[in-house]
Protein backbone atom coordinates (compact mmCIF):
# COMPACT_ATOMS: atom_id res chain seq x y z
CA MET A 1 -40.50 -57.48 65.72
CA ALA A 2 -42.81 -54.87 64.18
CA LEU A 3 -43.10 -53.26 60.77
CA ASN A 4 -40.67 -50.42 60.05
CA LEU A 5 -43.14 -47.53 60.37
CA GLN A 6 -42.73 -43.87 61.22
CA ASP A 7 -45.50 -41.60 62.46
CA ILE A 8 -47.31 -39.64 59.79
CA PRO A 9 -46.53 -35.93 60.31
CA ARG A 10 -49.32 -33.88 61.92
CA VAL A 11 -50.29 -30.23 61.66
CA LYS A 12 -53.09 -28.38 63.43
CA THR A 13 -54.15 -26.64 60.22
CA ILE A 14 -52.47 -25.70 56.95
CA THR A 15 -52.58 -23.19 54.11
CA ARG A 16 -52.91 -24.13 50.46
CA GLU A 17 -49.37 -22.95 49.79
CA ASP A 18 -47.82 -24.92 52.66
CA PHE A 19 -49.74 -28.04 51.72
CA LEU A 20 -48.55 -27.92 48.13
CA LYS A 21 -44.95 -27.16 49.08
CA SER A 22 -44.51 -29.54 52.02
CA TYR A 23 -46.75 -32.50 51.18
CA PHE A 24 -48.23 -32.58 47.68
CA ASN A 25 -45.09 -31.71 45.71
CA PRO A 26 -42.85 -34.20 47.58
CA GLN A 27 -45.77 -36.67 47.76
CA LYS A 28 -45.67 -37.16 51.52
CA PRO A 29 -48.66 -37.97 53.75
CA VAL A 30 -49.90 -35.65 56.49
CA VAL A 31 -52.68 -35.56 59.10
CA ILE A 32 -54.47 -32.21 59.45
CA GLU A 33 -56.09 -32.11 62.86
CA ARG A 34 -58.30 -29.00 62.95
CA PHE A 35 -59.44 -27.99 59.48
CA ILE A 36 -63.18 -28.78 59.35
CA GLU A 37 -64.50 -27.51 62.67
CA ASP A 38 -66.66 -24.97 60.79
CA TRP A 39 -68.41 -27.71 58.82
CA PRO A 40 -71.91 -28.68 60.04
CA ALA A 41 -70.70 -32.26 59.54
CA TYR A 42 -68.16 -31.78 62.32
CA THR A 43 -70.92 -31.65 64.94
CA LYS A 44 -73.70 -33.53 63.10
CA TRP A 45 -72.07 -36.54 61.54
CA ASN A 46 -72.09 -39.59 63.77
CA LEU A 47 -73.57 -43.07 63.52
CA ASP A 48 -76.91 -42.00 65.01
CA TYR A 49 -77.26 -39.19 62.46
CA MET A 50 -76.46 -41.54 59.59
CA LYS A 51 -79.05 -43.98 60.89
CA ALA A 52 -81.66 -41.21 61.07
CA ILE A 53 -80.99 -39.76 57.62
CA ALA A 54 -80.24 -42.98 55.71
CA GLY A 55 -81.92 -45.71 57.77
CA ASN A 56 -84.16 -47.02 55.00
CA ILE A 57 -81.42 -47.22 52.36
CA THR A 58 -80.04 -50.65 51.52
CA ILE A 59 -76.26 -50.49 51.53
CA PRO A 60 -73.56 -52.84 50.14
CA LEU A 61 -71.32 -54.56 52.67
CA TYR A 62 -67.88 -56.17 52.45
CA ASP A 63 -65.89 -58.35 54.83
CA ASP A 64 -62.40 -59.83 54.90
CA ARG A 65 -63.12 -63.15 53.18
CA PRO A 66 -60.55 -64.17 50.54
CA VAL A 67 -61.22 -63.16 46.94
CA ASP A 68 -63.29 -65.79 45.15
CA TYR A 69 -63.14 -66.25 41.39
CA LYS A 70 -66.94 -65.96 41.22
CA ASP A 71 -66.85 -62.47 42.73
CA GLY A 72 -66.93 -59.54 40.34
CA PHE A 73 -64.64 -56.56 40.79
CA ASN A 74 -65.65 -54.89 44.10
CA GLU A 75 -68.81 -57.02 44.30
CA PRO A 76 -70.43 -56.74 47.77
CA HIS A 77 -70.64 -59.76 50.08
CA ALA A 78 -73.96 -58.77 51.65
CA LYS A 79 -76.59 -56.02 51.78
CA MET A 80 -78.45 -54.53 54.72
CA LYS A 81 -80.64 -51.59 55.68
CA MET A 82 -78.53 -48.77 57.05
CA SER A 83 -80.54 -48.70 60.27
CA ASP A 84 -79.84 -52.39 60.88
CA TYR A 85 -76.17 -51.94 60.05
CA VAL A 86 -75.71 -49.09 62.56
CA ASP A 87 -77.47 -51.20 65.21
CA LEU A 88 -75.06 -54.04 64.44
CA LEU A 89 -72.02 -51.74 64.70
CA LYS A 90 -73.12 -50.61 68.15
CA LYS A 91 -74.07 -54.05 69.38
CA GLU A 92 -71.02 -56.18 68.64
CA PRO A 93 -67.84 -56.45 66.55
CA THR A 94 -68.53 -57.20 62.89
CA LYS A 95 -66.33 -57.70 59.85
CA TYR A 96 -68.87 -56.00 57.61
CA ARG A 97 -67.74 -52.68 56.16
CA ILE A 98 -69.27 -50.14 53.80
CA PHE A 99 -66.76 -49.51 51.04
CA LEU A 100 -66.84 -46.81 48.35
CA TRP A 101 -70.47 -45.79 49.01
CA ASN A 102 -71.43 -42.67 47.04
CA ALA A 103 -73.98 -41.69 49.65
CA LEU A 104 -74.45 -38.15 48.35
CA LYS A 105 -76.21 -39.50 45.26
CA GLU A 106 -78.81 -41.15 47.49
CA ILE A 107 -78.83 -38.51 50.25
CA PRO A 108 -78.24 -35.13 48.54
CA GLU A 109 -78.86 -33.20 51.77
CA LEU A 110 -75.51 -34.44 53.09
CA GLN A 111 -73.88 -32.05 50.64
CA LYS A 112 -75.08 -29.15 52.81
CA ASP A 113 -72.95 -30.39 55.70
CA PHE A 114 -69.51 -29.87 54.14
CA SER A 115 -67.64 -27.87 51.52
CA PHE A 116 -64.86 -28.84 49.15
CA PRO A 117 -61.62 -27.50 50.66
CA ASP A 118 -59.08 -25.66 48.56
CA PHE A 119 -55.82 -27.57 48.86
CA GLY A 120 -54.67 -26.45 45.42
CA LEU A 121 -55.96 -29.60 43.72
CA ARG A 122 -59.11 -29.97 41.65
CA LEU A 123 -61.26 -32.34 43.68
CA MET A 124 -63.70 -34.64 41.87
CA LYS A 125 -66.98 -33.32 43.23
CA GLY A 126 -69.14 -36.13 41.88
CA VAL A 127 -67.58 -38.94 43.88
CA PRO A 128 -67.36 -38.22 47.62
CA MET A 129 -67.22 -41.73 49.09
CA LEU A 130 -68.20 -42.94 52.56
CA PHE A 131 -66.58 -45.85 54.41
CA PHE A 132 -67.94 -47.50 57.59
CA GLY A 133 -66.61 -50.30 59.76
CA GLY A 134 -67.15 -52.16 63.01
CA ARG A 135 -64.62 -52.73 65.76
CA ASP A 136 -61.54 -54.62 64.48
CA SER A 137 -62.81 -54.76 60.89
CA HIS A 138 -60.16 -53.86 58.36
CA THR A 139 -59.34 -53.46 54.70
CA PHE A 140 -56.73 -55.53 52.92
CA MET A 141 -53.55 -53.65 52.15
CA HIS A 142 -54.32 -52.08 48.78
CA TYR A 143 -53.99 -48.99 46.64
CA ASP A 144 -56.77 -47.31 44.68
CA ILE A 145 -57.32 -48.23 41.05
CA ASP A 146 -57.03 -44.61 39.87
CA LEU A 147 -53.93 -43.77 41.99
CA ALA A 148 -55.69 -40.59 43.05
CA ASN A 149 -54.63 -38.03 45.64
CA ILE A 150 -56.96 -38.80 48.55
CA PHE A 151 -58.20 -36.67 51.44
CA HIS A 152 -59.69 -38.96 54.08
CA PHE A 153 -61.97 -37.16 56.58
CA HIS A 154 -62.69 -39.24 59.66
CA PHE A 155 -65.89 -39.09 61.74
CA GLU A 156 -66.55 -40.91 65.02
CA GLY A 157 -64.33 -43.52 66.56
CA ILE A 158 -60.66 -44.35 66.05
CA LYS A 159 -59.13 -45.72 62.86
CA GLN A 160 -55.64 -47.21 62.54
CA ILE A 161 -53.83 -46.39 59.29
CA ILE A 162 -50.70 -47.98 57.78
CA LEU A 163 -49.30 -46.53 54.53
CA PHE A 164 -46.55 -47.49 52.07
CA ASP A 165 -45.51 -45.67 48.92
CA GLN A 166 -45.25 -47.48 45.58
CA LYS A 167 -41.48 -47.90 45.99
CA GLN A 168 -42.21 -50.45 48.73
CA SER A 169 -44.37 -52.65 46.46
CA LYS A 170 -41.55 -55.13 45.87
CA TYR A 171 -41.55 -56.03 49.58
CA LEU A 172 -45.32 -56.28 50.12
CA TYR A 173 -46.24 -59.56 48.35
CA LYS A 174 -48.38 -57.77 45.79
CA ILE A 175 -50.88 -59.91 43.89
CA PRO A 176 -50.23 -59.61 40.12
CA HIS A 177 -53.05 -58.16 37.97
CA SER A 178 -54.54 -56.73 41.14
CA LEU A 179 -54.43 -53.83 43.60
CA ILE A 180 -53.91 -55.81 46.81
CA THR A 181 -51.24 -57.72 48.69
CA ARG A 182 -51.66 -61.30 49.89
CA GLU A 183 -54.89 -61.34 51.85
CA ASP A 184 -53.51 -63.66 54.52
CA ILE A 185 -50.98 -61.08 55.72
CA ASP A 186 -52.01 -59.50 59.02
CA PHE A 187 -50.46 -56.05 58.76
CA ASN A 188 -51.52 -55.33 62.32
CA ASN A 189 -49.39 -58.24 63.54
CA PRO A 190 -47.31 -59.62 60.63
CA ASP A 191 -45.66 -63.04 60.66
CA PHE A 192 -42.12 -62.25 59.49
CA GLU A 193 -41.16 -65.91 59.27
CA LYS A 194 -43.88 -66.43 56.68
CA TRP A 195 -43.47 -63.02 55.00
CA PRO A 196 -39.77 -62.14 55.51
CA MET A 197 -39.57 -59.33 52.95
CA LEU A 198 -42.01 -57.22 54.97
CA LYS A 199 -39.08 -56.51 57.30
CA LYS A 200 -37.52 -54.37 54.55
CA ALA A 201 -40.61 -52.25 53.81
CA LYS A 202 -40.59 -48.70 55.17
CA GLY A 203 -43.92 -47.06 55.78
CA TYR A 204 -46.05 -44.76 57.91
CA GLU A 205 -48.70 -45.15 60.59
CA THR A 206 -51.20 -43.09 62.56
CA GLU A 207 -54.57 -43.22 64.29
CA LEU A 208 -57.34 -40.95 63.04
CA ARG A 209 -59.97 -39.44 65.33
CA HIS A 210 -63.11 -37.41 64.75
CA GLY A 211 -62.56 -34.38 62.54
CA GLU A 212 -59.05 -35.26 61.39
CA ILE A 213 -57.99 -35.40 57.73
CA LEU A 214 -55.42 -37.77 56.28
CA TYR A 215 -53.80 -36.83 52.97
CA MET A 216 -52.66 -39.93 51.05
CA PRO A 217 -50.46 -39.19 48.03
CA GLU A 218 -50.90 -40.80 44.63
CA GLY A 219 -50.94 -44.58 44.61
CA TYR A 220 -50.10 -45.03 48.29
CA TRP A 221 -50.78 -48.49 49.70
CA HIS A 222 -53.13 -48.29 52.67
CA TYR A 223 -54.38 -50.63 55.38
CA MET A 224 -57.16 -49.36 57.59
CA ARG A 225 -58.47 -50.97 60.78
CA TYR A 226 -61.39 -49.69 62.83
CA VAL A 227 -60.20 -49.68 66.44
CA THR A 228 -63.75 -48.66 67.34
CA PRO A 229 -66.87 -48.39 65.12
CA GLY A 230 -66.85 -45.33 62.92
CA PHE A 231 -66.87 -43.92 59.41
CA SER A 232 -64.96 -41.64 57.05
CA MET A 233 -65.45 -39.70 53.84
CA SER A 234 -62.89 -39.53 51.03
CA LEU A 235 -62.47 -36.77 48.46
CA ARG A 236 -60.07 -37.34 45.61
CA ALA A 237 -58.13 -35.54 42.92
CA ILE A 238 -56.80 -37.10 39.71
CA ALA A 239 -53.18 -38.22 39.70
CA ARG A 240 -50.93 -35.42 38.44
CA ASN A 241 -47.80 -37.51 37.85
CA PRO A 242 -47.92 -38.66 34.19
CA LYS A 243 -46.66 -42.13 35.10
CA ASN A 244 -49.35 -42.55 37.75
CA PHE A 245 -52.05 -41.15 35.46
CA SER A 246 -51.04 -43.63 32.73
CA LYS A 247 -51.09 -46.47 35.23
CA ALA A 248 -54.57 -45.43 36.36
CA ILE A 249 -55.84 -45.55 32.76
CA TYR A 250 -54.24 -48.99 32.32
CA ASN A 251 -55.82 -50.27 35.54
CA LEU A 252 -59.28 -49.00 34.62
CA LEU A 253 -59.36 -50.02 30.96
CA ILE A 254 -57.12 -53.09 30.75
CA MET A 255 -56.05 -54.65 34.04
CA ARG A 256 -59.51 -54.81 35.61
CA ASN A 257 -61.13 -56.28 32.49
CA TYR A 258 -58.29 -58.76 31.91
CA ASP A 259 -58.59 -60.02 35.49
CA ASN A 260 -62.35 -60.47 35.16
CA VAL A 261 -61.91 -62.41 31.90
CA MET A 262 -59.30 -64.71 33.45
CA ARG A 263 -61.55 -65.38 36.44
CA ARG A 264 -64.30 -66.51 34.10
CA LEU A 265 -61.95 -68.63 31.99
CA LYS A 266 -59.81 -70.26 34.69
CA GLY A 267 -61.88 -69.92 37.84
CA GLN A 268 -60.18 -70.55 41.16
CA LYS A 269 -56.99 -71.70 39.43
CA TRP A 270 -56.44 -68.09 38.37
CA ILE A 271 -56.79 -66.83 41.96
CA ASP A 272 -54.50 -69.56 43.27
CA TRP A 273 -51.88 -68.84 40.58
CA LYS A 274 -51.89 -65.12 41.44
CA ASN A 275 -51.45 -65.84 45.15
CA GLU A 276 -48.53 -68.14 44.41
CA GLN A 277 -46.95 -65.61 42.07
CA ALA A 278 -47.13 -62.93 44.77
CA ILE A 279 -44.62 -64.96 46.80
CA ILE A 280 -42.47 -66.08 43.88
CA ARG A 281 -42.16 -62.60 42.37
CA THR A 282 -41.55 -60.86 45.69
CA HIS A 283 -38.71 -63.19 46.61
CA LYS A 284 -37.26 -63.10 43.08
CA ASN A 285 -37.39 -59.32 42.73
CA THR A 286 -35.80 -58.78 46.16
CA HIS A 287 -33.21 -61.60 45.74
CA ALA A 288 -34.55 -63.19 48.91
CA THR A 289 -32.95 -66.34 50.25
CA VAL A 290 -35.85 -68.14 51.92
């Protein structure tokens, strides 16, 4: 048995008006296949180019190890020169990923390779983020702390995407006081005997290839797996829905700080309690009989 997923709709290109009417207003995801072919980045951006332009920069790396109470919020697990990291990606599978790297601050010339598209939303121009991963590396299922509208531009390789909207949260074994689901769930091959409520979740899936854009609406859960080594860039726009905007403020100012305080006070017991509560609350809220 597999997750209940439908293909994310695809369009070759799209106008601002059609995007707002068909995808932003109803908050539905879409893949835009041929929108950035006039960008220099479309032909220039690959792993070799990133190695050449950023090889001497030390970058933060993350893997799929379970959250440890000693880790700070989004604290990297390792650091490496970009040149060494690209060599590693090409040599062998690795769990190490670059996550939320604001490369344009360190490499301003990258800004010349793309422009901010007009989708009818005000994009935050100060925080274009790059994401890299090796074959079979993946993110945990999570949603972004600011519940932003996200445009995910993919470069090189193939990336598997699974999405759920916030209405599916009750089925996903969400960790309380956090933005992730249980880390031991393999969303690429879920164990429904262990996680029975996943059978009720309804989501979306696709594979991104070079030059394609994925629009992820506000607060969408996303799991991303690198089928082959590659990288992406995300541009974001502030949540427009007042409920989502309020939740983003709460996450940034209260939830994140509260979680960090509890980690310091209770240590691993806090992490273990949250993991246990993810199961208890999911089964209680869905009236599961397990």
